[in-house]
Amino acid sequence: MITERIFMRVPFGDHLDAMAPHSVSRSTLRSPASILTVLVLALAGCTGGEATEPSASIPVATRAELLDPADFAAAIADPGRVTINVHTPNEGQLPGTDSSLPFDQIRQQAATLPPDRTTPLAIYCRTGTMSATAAKDLAALGYTDVVELQGGMLAWRHTGRTIEE
């Protein structure tokens, strides 16, 4: 099973940062102010004019594919894919792991990553939380082919696969 984790890169000060999803209650959506806002935005999008290229300030969507353990095993079997354990502290690794890079050091240690941003990467941690952060940072650095182990090493082990200590 393949799902996608979507990240939005939006300007924040002098750098790009991720935008977290927000929840809105139904009652908020029915308020007069909300209805008026929706109408104004809808009408603003209907102005007749020439289509333009998106500017740099428009959010750019990037993604890391979330793969279940079976699909992740197939992905890391590809010799061209670099497999990185982003969990900290070290609690073991999947067989065939190429390197370990703590999830919170991705940007600081970007020089240790492949210089070609199209290099296929596979990332994982123990539960999936740290790899989600790492996926966001890899996307911000421009990596375009990133797969992530959904549920991390715990899900991997739960399916009967081994973890090297």
N, C-alpha and C. Protein backbone atom coordinates (compact mmCIF):
# COMPACT_ATOMS: atom_id res chain seq x y z
N MET A 1 0.84 -1.18 0.00
CA MET A 1 0.00 0.00 0.00
C MET A 1 0.89 1.24 0.00
N ILE A 2 0.59 2.18 -0.86
CA ILE A 2 1.36 3.42 -0.98
C ILE A 2 0.46 4.59 -0.65
N THR A 3 0.92 5.44 0.26
CA THR A 3 0.23 6.70 0.55
C THR A 3 1.26 7.80 0.41
N GLU A 4 0.84 9.02 0.44
CA GLU A 4 1.76 10.14 0.30
C GLU A 4 1.64 11.08 1.48
N ARG A 5 2.78 11.56 1.93
CA ARG A 5 2.82 12.60 2.95
C ARG A 5 3.15 13.87 2.18
N ILE A 6 2.30 14.87 2.27
CA ILE A 6 2.46 16.11 1.51
C ILE A 6 2.99 17.19 2.44
N PHE A 7 3.97 17.94 1.96
CA PHE A 7 4.52 19.06 2.70
C PHE A 7 4.36 20.30 1.84
N MET A 8 4.11 21.42 2.45
CA MET A 8 4.02 22.67 1.72
C MET A 8 5.19 23.53 2.15
N ARG A 9 5.97 24.01 1.18
CA ARG A 9 7.05 24.93 1.48
C ARG A 9 6.51 26.34 1.32
N VAL A 10 6.57 27.10 2.40
CA VAL A 10 6.07 28.47 2.36
C VAL A 10 7.12 29.39 2.96
N PRO A 11 7.19 30.61 2.49
CA PRO A 11 8.16 31.56 3.05
C PRO A 11 7.88 31.83 4.52
N PHE A 12 8.93 31.87 5.30
CA PHE A 12 8.82 32.20 6.71
C PHE A 12 10.07 32.96 7.08
N GLY A 13 9.97 34.25 7.18
CA GLY A 13 11.15 35.06 7.46
C GLY A 13 12.10 34.98 6.28
N ASP A 14 13.37 34.64 6.55
CA ASP A 14 14.38 34.55 5.51
C ASP A 14 14.57 33.12 5.01
N HIS A 15 13.72 32.17 5.44
CA HIS A 15 13.89 30.78 5.00
C HIS A 15 12.53 30.15 4.72
N LEU A 16 12.56 28.91 4.24
CA LEU A 16 11.32 28.19 3.99
C LEU A 16 11.02 27.31 5.18
N ASP A 17 9.77 27.19 5.51
CA ASP A 17 9.37 26.35 6.62
C ASP A 17 8.09 25.62 6.22
N ALA A 18 7.78 24.54 6.93
CA ALA A 18 6.59 23.76 6.59
C ALA A 18 5.36 24.38 7.22
N MET A 19 4.25 24.24 6.52
CA MET A 19 2.98 24.74 7.02
C MET A 19 2.21 23.55 7.59
N ALA A 20 1.80 23.64 8.83
CA ALA A 20 1.06 22.55 9.47
C ALA A 20 -0.41 22.61 9.07
N PRO A 21 -1.05 21.44 8.98
CA PRO A 21 -2.48 21.46 8.65
C PRO A 21 -3.28 22.06 9.79
N HIS A 22 -4.38 22.70 9.47
CA HIS A 22 -5.25 23.29 10.48
C HIS A 22 -6.63 22.67 10.37
N SER A 23 -7.32 22.58 11.49
CA SER A 23 -8.69 22.06 11.44
C SER A 23 -9.65 23.22 11.66
N VAL A 24 -10.79 23.14 11.02
CA VAL A 24 -11.80 24.19 11.12
C VAL A 24 -13.13 23.51 11.41
N SER A 25 -13.86 24.02 12.40
CA SER A 25 -15.14 23.42 12.74
C SER A 25 -16.20 23.84 11.72
N ARG A 26 -17.26 23.03 11.61
CA ARG A 26 -18.35 23.35 10.67
C ARG A 26 -19.02 24.66 11.03
N SER A 27 -19.15 24.96 12.32
CA SER A 27 -19.81 26.20 12.71
C SER A 27 -18.99 27.41 12.25
N THR A 28 -17.67 27.29 12.25
CA THR A 28 -16.83 28.39 11.79
C THR A 28 -17.06 28.63 10.31
N LEU A 29 -17.21 27.54 9.54
CA LEU A 29 -17.42 27.67 8.11
C LEU A 29 -18.75 28.31 7.77
N ARG A 30 -19.72 28.26 8.68
CA ARG A 30 -21.05 28.80 8.42
C ARG A 30 -21.22 30.23 8.91
N SER A 31 -20.23 30.80 9.55
CA SER A 31 -20.37 32.16 10.05
C SER A 31 -20.43 33.14 8.88
N PRO A 32 -21.13 34.27 9.06
CA PRO A 32 -21.22 35.26 7.97
C PRO A 32 -19.86 35.74 7.49
N ALA A 33 -18.93 35.92 8.40
CA ALA A 33 -17.60 36.39 8.00
C ALA A 33 -16.89 35.34 7.14
N SER A 34 -17.05 34.07 7.47
CA SER A 34 -16.43 33.01 6.69
C SER A 34 -17.03 32.93 5.30
N ILE A 35 -18.35 33.04 5.22
CA ILE A 35 -19.03 32.98 3.93
C ILE A 35 -18.60 34.16 3.06
N LEU A 36 -18.51 35.35 3.66
CA LEU A 36 -18.09 36.53 2.91
C LEU A 36 -16.65 36.36 2.42
N THR A 37 -15.79 35.85 3.26
CA THR A 37 -14.39 35.62 2.87
C THR A 37 -14.30 34.67 1.70
N VAL A 38 -15.05 33.58 1.75
CA VAL A 38 -15.05 32.60 0.66
C VAL A 38 -15.53 33.25 -0.64
N LEU A 39 -16.59 34.05 -0.56
CA LEU A 39 -17.10 34.72 -1.76
C LEU A 39 -16.09 35.69 -2.35
N VAL A 40 -15.46 36.48 -1.49
CA VAL A 40 -14.46 37.44 -1.97
C VAL A 40 -13.31 36.71 -2.65
N LEU A 41 -12.83 35.64 -2.04
CA LEU A 41 -11.73 34.88 -2.62
C LEU A 41 -12.14 34.22 -3.94
N ALA A 42 -13.36 33.72 -3.99
CA ALA A 42 -13.84 33.09 -5.22
C ALA A 42 -13.94 34.11 -6.34
N LEU A 43 -14.47 35.30 -6.04
CA LEU A 43 -14.59 36.33 -7.06
C LEU A 43 -13.23 36.86 -7.49
N ALA A 44 -12.30 36.94 -6.56
CA ALA A 44 -10.95 37.41 -6.90
C ALA A 44 -10.29 36.46 -7.88
N GLY A 45 -10.59 35.18 -7.78
CA GLY A 45 -10.03 34.20 -8.71
C GLY A 45 -10.69 34.23 -10.07
N CYS A 46 -11.79 34.93 -10.21
CA CYS A 46 -12.52 34.96 -11.47
C CYS A 46 -12.22 36.20 -12.29
N THR A 47 -11.26 36.98 -11.91
CA THR A 47 -10.95 38.17 -12.68
C THR A 47 -10.38 37.75 -14.02
N GLY A 48 -10.89 38.33 -15.08
CA GLY A 48 -10.40 37.99 -16.41
C GLY A 48 -9.02 38.57 -16.58
N GLY A 49 -8.12 37.78 -16.91
CA GLY A 49 -6.77 38.27 -17.08
C GLY A 49 -5.89 37.18 -17.62
N GLU A 50 -4.71 37.55 -17.93
CA GLU A 50 -3.78 36.62 -18.49
C GLU A 50 -3.21 35.72 -17.39
N ALA A 51 -3.05 34.46 -17.69
CA ALA A 51 -2.45 33.54 -16.73
C ALA A 51 -0.97 33.88 -16.61
N THR A 52 -0.47 33.84 -15.40
CA THR A 52 0.93 34.15 -15.18
C THR A 52 1.61 32.97 -14.52
N GLU A 53 2.91 32.96 -14.60
CA GLU A 53 3.70 31.93 -13.94
C GLU A 53 3.62 32.14 -12.43
N PRO A 54 3.64 31.06 -11.64
CA PRO A 54 3.62 31.24 -10.20
C PRO A 54 4.87 31.97 -9.73
N SER A 55 4.70 32.81 -8.74
CA SER A 55 5.84 33.54 -8.21
C SER A 55 6.52 32.68 -7.15
N ALA A 56 7.70 33.09 -6.72
CA ALA A 56 8.47 32.34 -5.73
C ALA A 56 7.77 32.30 -4.38
N SER A 57 6.83 33.21 -4.14
CA SER A 57 6.17 33.24 -2.84
C SER A 57 4.99 32.28 -2.75
N ILE A 58 4.61 31.64 -3.86
CA ILE A 58 3.52 30.68 -3.83
C ILE A 58 4.05 29.36 -3.30
N PRO A 59 3.33 28.71 -2.36
CA PRO A 59 3.81 27.45 -1.80
C PRO A 59 4.05 26.40 -2.89
N VAL A 60 5.13 25.64 -2.71
CA VAL A 60 5.48 24.57 -3.63
C VAL A 60 5.31 23.24 -2.90
N ALA A 61 4.48 22.36 -3.43
CA ALA A 61 4.24 21.07 -2.79
C ALA A 61 5.38 20.11 -3.11
N THR A 62 5.84 19.40 -2.12
CA THR A 62 6.82 18.34 -2.29
C THR A 62 6.32 17.15 -1.49
N ARG A 63 6.85 15.98 -1.78
CA ARG A 63 6.32 14.82 -1.09
C ARG A 63 7.37 13.74 -0.90
N ALA A 64 7.13 12.92 0.10
CA ALA A 64 7.88 11.69 0.31
C ALA A 64 6.84 10.58 0.26
N GLU A 65 7.11 9.57 -0.50
CA GLU A 65 6.17 8.46 -0.58
C GLU A 65 6.29 7.61 0.67
N LEU A 66 5.16 7.38 1.33
CA LEU A 66 5.11 6.47 2.47
C LEU A 66 4.88 5.07 1.94
N LEU A 67 5.80 4.15 2.24
CA LEU A 67 5.69 2.78 1.77
C LEU A 67 5.52 1.83 2.94
N ASP A 68 4.65 0.84 2.78
CA ASP A 68 4.53 -0.20 3.80
C ASP A 68 5.81 -1.04 3.74
N PRO A 69 6.05 -1.88 4.76
CA PRO A 69 7.31 -2.63 4.81
C PRO A 69 7.61 -3.46 3.55
N ALA A 70 6.63 -4.09 2.95
CA ALA A 70 6.88 -4.90 1.76
C ALA A 70 7.36 -4.02 0.59
N ASP A 71 6.69 -2.91 0.37
CA ASP A 71 7.09 -2.01 -0.72
C ASP A 71 8.42 -1.33 -0.41
N PHE A 72 8.66 -1.02 0.86
CA PHE A 72 9.92 -0.40 1.25
C PHE A 72 11.07 -1.39 1.02
N ALA A 73 10.86 -2.67 1.35
CA ALA A 73 11.88 -3.70 1.13
C ALA A 73 12.23 -3.78 -0.36
N ALA A 74 11.22 -3.70 -1.22
CA ALA A 74 11.47 -3.72 -2.65
C ALA A 74 12.24 -2.47 -3.09
N ALA A 75 11.90 -1.33 -2.51
CA ALA A 75 12.56 -0.07 -2.88
C ALA A 75 14.04 -0.09 -2.49
N ILE A 76 14.35 -0.57 -1.28
CA ILE A 76 15.75 -0.55 -0.84
C ILE A 76 16.57 -1.66 -1.50
N ALA A 77 15.92 -2.59 -2.16
CA ALA A 77 16.64 -3.63 -2.90
C ALA A 77 17.26 -3.05 -4.18
N ASP A 78 16.77 -1.88 -4.62
CA ASP A 78 17.33 -1.21 -5.79
C ASP A 78 18.72 -0.69 -5.42
N PRO A 79 19.78 -1.17 -6.10
CA PRO A 79 21.14 -0.74 -5.74
C PRO A 79 21.40 0.75 -5.96
N GLY A 80 20.56 1.43 -6.73
CA GLY A 80 20.74 2.86 -6.95
C GLY A 80 20.13 3.73 -5.88
N ARG A 81 19.37 3.15 -4.97
CA ARG A 81 18.70 3.90 -3.91
C ARG A 81 19.59 3.92 -2.66
N VAL A 82 19.80 5.09 -2.08
CA VAL A 82 20.59 5.25 -0.86
C VAL A 82 19.65 5.14 0.34
N THR A 83 19.93 4.19 1.23
CA THR A 83 19.08 3.95 2.40
C THR A 83 19.71 4.58 3.63
N ILE A 84 18.94 5.42 4.31
CA ILE A 84 19.46 6.19 5.45
C ILE A 84 18.60 5.97 6.68
N ASN A 85 19.23 5.57 7.77
CA ASN A 85 18.57 5.46 9.07
C ASN A 85 18.66 6.83 9.73
N VAL A 86 17.51 7.46 9.98
CA VAL A 86 17.50 8.81 10.56
C VAL A 86 17.15 8.81 12.04
N HIS A 87 17.03 7.60 12.62
CA HIS A 87 16.64 7.50 14.03
C HIS A 87 17.81 7.86 14.94
N THR A 88 17.49 8.52 16.03
CA THR A 88 18.47 8.80 17.06
C THR A 88 17.80 8.64 18.41
N PRO A 89 18.42 8.00 19.38
CA PRO A 89 19.72 7.34 19.31
C PRO A 89 19.62 6.05 18.50
N ASN A 90 20.77 5.49 18.15
CA ASN A 90 20.81 4.28 17.34
C ASN A 90 20.14 3.14 18.09
N GLU A 91 19.13 2.56 17.45
CA GLU A 91 18.42 1.40 18.01
C GLU A 91 18.40 0.27 17.01
N GLY A 92 19.47 0.17 16.23
CA GLY A 92 19.55 -0.86 15.21
C GLY A 92 19.30 -0.26 13.84
N GLN A 93 19.41 -1.13 12.81
CA GLN A 93 19.19 -0.66 11.45
C GLN A 93 18.70 -1.80 10.58
N LEU A 94 18.09 -1.43 9.47
CA LEU A 94 17.61 -2.42 8.52
C LEU A 94 18.80 -2.98 7.76
N PRO A 95 18.74 -4.25 7.37
CA PRO A 95 19.81 -4.80 6.53
C PRO A 95 19.95 -3.99 5.25
N GLY A 96 21.18 -3.71 4.86
CA GLY A 96 21.43 -2.96 3.64
C GLY A 96 21.45 -1.46 3.81
N THR A 97 21.37 -0.97 5.04
CA THR A 97 21.41 0.48 5.27
C THR A 97 22.76 1.03 4.85
N ASP A 98 22.74 2.13 4.09
CA ASP A 98 23.97 2.74 3.60
C ASP A 98 24.60 3.69 4.61
N SER A 99 23.77 4.41 5.37
CA SER A 99 24.32 5.36 6.34
C SER A 99 23.30 5.69 7.41
N SER A 100 23.79 6.32 8.47
CA SER A 100 22.95 6.84 9.54
C SER A 100 23.18 8.33 9.62
N LEU A 101 22.09 9.07 9.68
CA LEU A 101 22.16 10.52 9.78
C LEU A 101 20.99 10.96 10.64
N PRO A 102 21.25 11.47 11.85
CA PRO A 102 20.15 11.85 12.74
C PRO A 102 19.17 12.81 12.05
N PHE A 103 17.88 12.55 12.26
CA PHE A 103 16.82 13.34 11.62
C PHE A 103 16.96 14.83 11.86
N ASP A 104 17.48 15.21 13.02
CA ASP A 104 17.58 16.63 13.36
C ASP A 104 18.91 17.25 12.90
N GLN A 105 19.68 16.49 12.10
CA GLN A 105 20.95 17.00 11.58
C GLN A 105 20.98 17.01 10.05
N ILE A 106 19.84 16.75 9.41
CA ILE A 106 19.78 16.66 7.94
C ILE A 106 20.31 17.94 7.29
N ARG A 107 19.80 19.07 7.70
CA ARG A 107 20.22 20.34 7.07
C ARG A 107 21.67 20.68 7.41
N GLN A 108 22.07 20.44 8.66
CA GLN A 108 23.43 20.78 9.08
C GLN A 108 24.47 19.87 8.41
N GLN A 109 24.09 18.63 8.11
CA GLN A 109 25.03 17.68 7.51
C GLN A 109 24.67 17.38 6.05
N ALA A 110 24.08 18.35 5.38
CA ALA A 110 23.66 18.16 3.98
C ALA A 110 24.83 17.76 3.08
N ALA A 111 26.03 18.17 3.44
CA ALA A 111 27.21 17.84 2.62
C ALA A 111 27.48 16.33 2.61
N THR A 112 26.95 15.59 3.58
CA THR A 112 27.16 14.14 3.61
C THR A 112 26.14 13.40 2.74
N LEU A 113 25.14 14.11 2.24
CA LEU A 113 24.12 13.52 1.38
C LEU A 113 24.60 13.54 -0.08
N PRO A 114 23.99 12.71 -0.92
CA PRO A 114 24.39 12.74 -2.34
C PRO A 114 24.20 14.14 -2.93
N PRO A 115 25.19 14.62 -3.68
CA PRO A 115 25.08 15.96 -4.25
C PRO A 115 24.01 16.07 -5.33
N ASP A 116 23.71 14.97 -6.02
CA ASP A 116 22.67 14.97 -7.05
C ASP A 116 21.32 14.85 -6.35
N ARG A 117 20.51 15.91 -6.42
CA ARG A 117 19.23 15.95 -5.70
C ARG A 117 18.18 15.01 -6.30
N THR A 118 18.48 14.37 -7.43
CA THR A 118 17.56 13.38 -8.00
C THR A 118 17.91 11.96 -7.57
N THR A 119 18.97 11.81 -6.77
CA THR A 119 19.35 10.48 -6.27
C THR A 119 18.19 9.90 -5.46
N PRO A 120 17.78 8.67 -5.76
CA PRO A 120 16.71 8.05 -4.97
C PRO A 120 17.18 7.79 -3.53
N LEU A 121 16.38 8.23 -2.58
CA LEU A 121 16.69 8.04 -1.16
C LEU A 121 15.57 7.23 -0.50
N ALA A 122 15.95 6.42 0.50
CA ALA A 122 14.98 5.70 1.33
C ALA A 122 15.34 6.03 2.77
N ILE A 123 14.37 6.52 3.54
CA ILE A 123 14.64 6.92 4.93
C ILE A 123 13.71 6.18 5.87
N TYR A 124 14.21 5.96 7.08
CA TYR A 124 13.38 5.31 8.09
C TYR A 124 13.91 5.66 9.48
N CYS A 125 13.04 5.44 10.47
CA CYS A 125 13.41 5.58 11.88
C CYS A 125 12.71 4.45 12.64
N ARG A 126 12.51 4.59 13.91
CA ARG A 126 11.90 3.52 14.70
C ARG A 126 10.39 3.46 14.50
N THR A 127 9.71 4.63 14.49
CA THR A 127 8.24 4.62 14.40
C THR A 127 7.67 5.39 13.21
N GLY A 128 8.47 6.23 12.58
CA GLY A 128 8.00 7.05 11.47
C GLY A 128 7.96 8.53 11.78
N THR A 129 8.04 8.89 13.04
CA THR A 129 7.97 10.31 13.43
C THR A 129 9.21 11.08 13.00
N MET A 130 10.38 10.53 13.30
CA MET A 130 11.62 11.22 12.95
C MET A 130 11.84 11.24 11.43
N SER A 131 11.44 10.17 10.75
CA SER A 131 11.61 10.15 9.29
C SER A 131 10.68 11.15 8.62
N ALA A 132 9.54 11.45 9.23
CA ALA A 132 8.65 12.48 8.67
C ALA A 132 9.33 13.84 8.69
N THR A 133 10.02 14.14 9.79
CA THR A 133 10.77 15.39 9.89
C THR A 133 11.91 15.40 8.88
N ALA A 134 12.62 14.28 8.78
CA ALA A 134 13.73 14.18 7.83
C ALA A 134 13.22 14.34 6.40
N ALA A 135 12.06 13.78 6.08
CA ALA A 135 11.50 13.90 4.73
C ALA A 135 11.23 15.36 4.39
N LYS A 136 10.71 16.09 5.36
CA LYS A 136 10.44 17.53 5.16
C LYS A 136 11.74 18.27 4.87
N ASP A 137 12.78 17.97 5.64
CA ASP A 137 14.06 18.65 5.44
C ASP A 137 14.70 18.26 4.11
N LEU A 138 14.60 16.99 3.73
CA LEU A 138 15.15 16.56 2.44
C LEU A 138 14.43 17.26 1.29
N ALA A 139 13.12 17.41 1.41
CA ALA A 139 12.35 18.12 0.38
C ALA A 139 12.79 19.57 0.31
N ALA A 140 13.01 20.19 1.46
CA ALA A 140 13.45 21.59 1.50
C ALA A 140 14.82 21.74 0.86
N LEU A 141 15.65 20.71 0.95
CA LEU A 141 16.98 20.74 0.33
C LEU A 141 16.92 20.45 -1.17
N GLY A 142 15.73 20.03 -1.65
CA GLY A 142 15.56 19.82 -3.08
C GLY A 142 15.58 18.38 -3.55
N TYR A 143 15.62 17.41 -2.63
CA TYR A 143 15.61 16.00 -3.04
C TYR A 143 14.22 15.66 -3.57
N THR A 144 14.18 15.00 -4.72
CA THR A 144 12.92 14.79 -5.41
C THR A 144 12.41 13.36 -5.40
N ASP A 145 13.24 12.41 -4.98
CA ASP A 145 12.83 11.00 -4.99
C ASP A 145 13.13 10.39 -3.62
N VAL A 146 12.20 10.58 -2.70
CA VAL A 146 12.38 10.11 -1.32
C VAL A 146 11.23 9.18 -0.96
N VAL A 147 11.57 7.98 -0.48
CA VAL A 147 10.56 7.08 0.06
C VAL A 147 10.83 6.92 1.55
N GLU A 148 9.75 6.70 2.28
CA GLU A 148 9.81 6.66 3.75
C GLU A 148 9.08 5.41 4.23
N LEU A 149 9.67 4.70 5.18
CA LEU A 149 9.06 3.49 5.74
C LEU A 149 7.93 3.87 6.67
N GLN A 150 6.71 3.57 6.26
CA GLN A 150 5.53 3.87 7.09
C GLN A 150 5.54 2.98 8.32
N GLY A 151 5.51 3.60 9.50
CA GLY A 151 5.52 2.85 10.75
C GLY A 151 6.91 2.49 11.24
N GLY A 152 7.92 2.82 10.47
CA GLY A 152 9.31 2.64 10.88
C GLY A 152 9.73 1.20 11.14
N MET A 153 10.82 1.07 11.90
CA MET A 153 11.38 -0.25 12.21
C MET A 153 10.40 -1.12 12.98
N LEU A 154 9.51 -0.51 13.75
CA LEU A 154 8.52 -1.31 14.48
C LEU A 154 7.60 -2.04 13.50
N ALA A 155 7.14 -1.35 12.47
CA ALA A 155 6.29 -1.98 11.45
C ALA A 155 7.09 -3.02 10.67
N TRP A 156 8.33 -2.71 10.38
CA TRP A 156 9.22 -3.64 9.67
C TRP A 156 9.33 -4.96 10.45
N ARG A 157 9.63 -4.83 11.73
CA ARG A 157 9.78 -6.02 12.59
C ARG A 157 8.45 -6.76 12.74
N HIS A 158 7.35 -6.02 12.82
CA HIS A 158 6.02 -6.62 12.99
C HIS A 158 5.66 -7.54 11.82
N THR A 159 6.24 -7.29 10.65
CA THR A 159 5.97 -8.12 9.47
C THR A 159 6.94 -9.30 9.37
N GLY A 160 7.75 -9.50 10.43
CA GLY A 160 8.66 -10.65 10.45
C GLY A 160 10.03 -10.38 9.87
N ARG A 161 10.32 -9.16 9.50
CA ARG A 161 11.63 -8.82 8.95
C ARG A 161 12.62 -8.56 10.09
N THR A 162 13.90 -8.67 9.78
CA THR A 162 14.93 -8.53 10.82
C THR A 162 15.49 -7.13 10.88
N ILE A 163 16.04 -6.80 12.03
CA ILE A 163 16.74 -5.55 12.27
C ILE A 163 18.11 -5.91 12.82
N GLU A 164 19.15 -5.32 12.25
CA GLU A 164 20.51 -5.55 12.72
C GLU A 164 20.78 -4.67 13.93
N GLU A 165 21.39 -5.25 14.92
CA GLU A 165 21.69 -4.48 16.14
C GLU A 165 22.95 -3.74 16.03
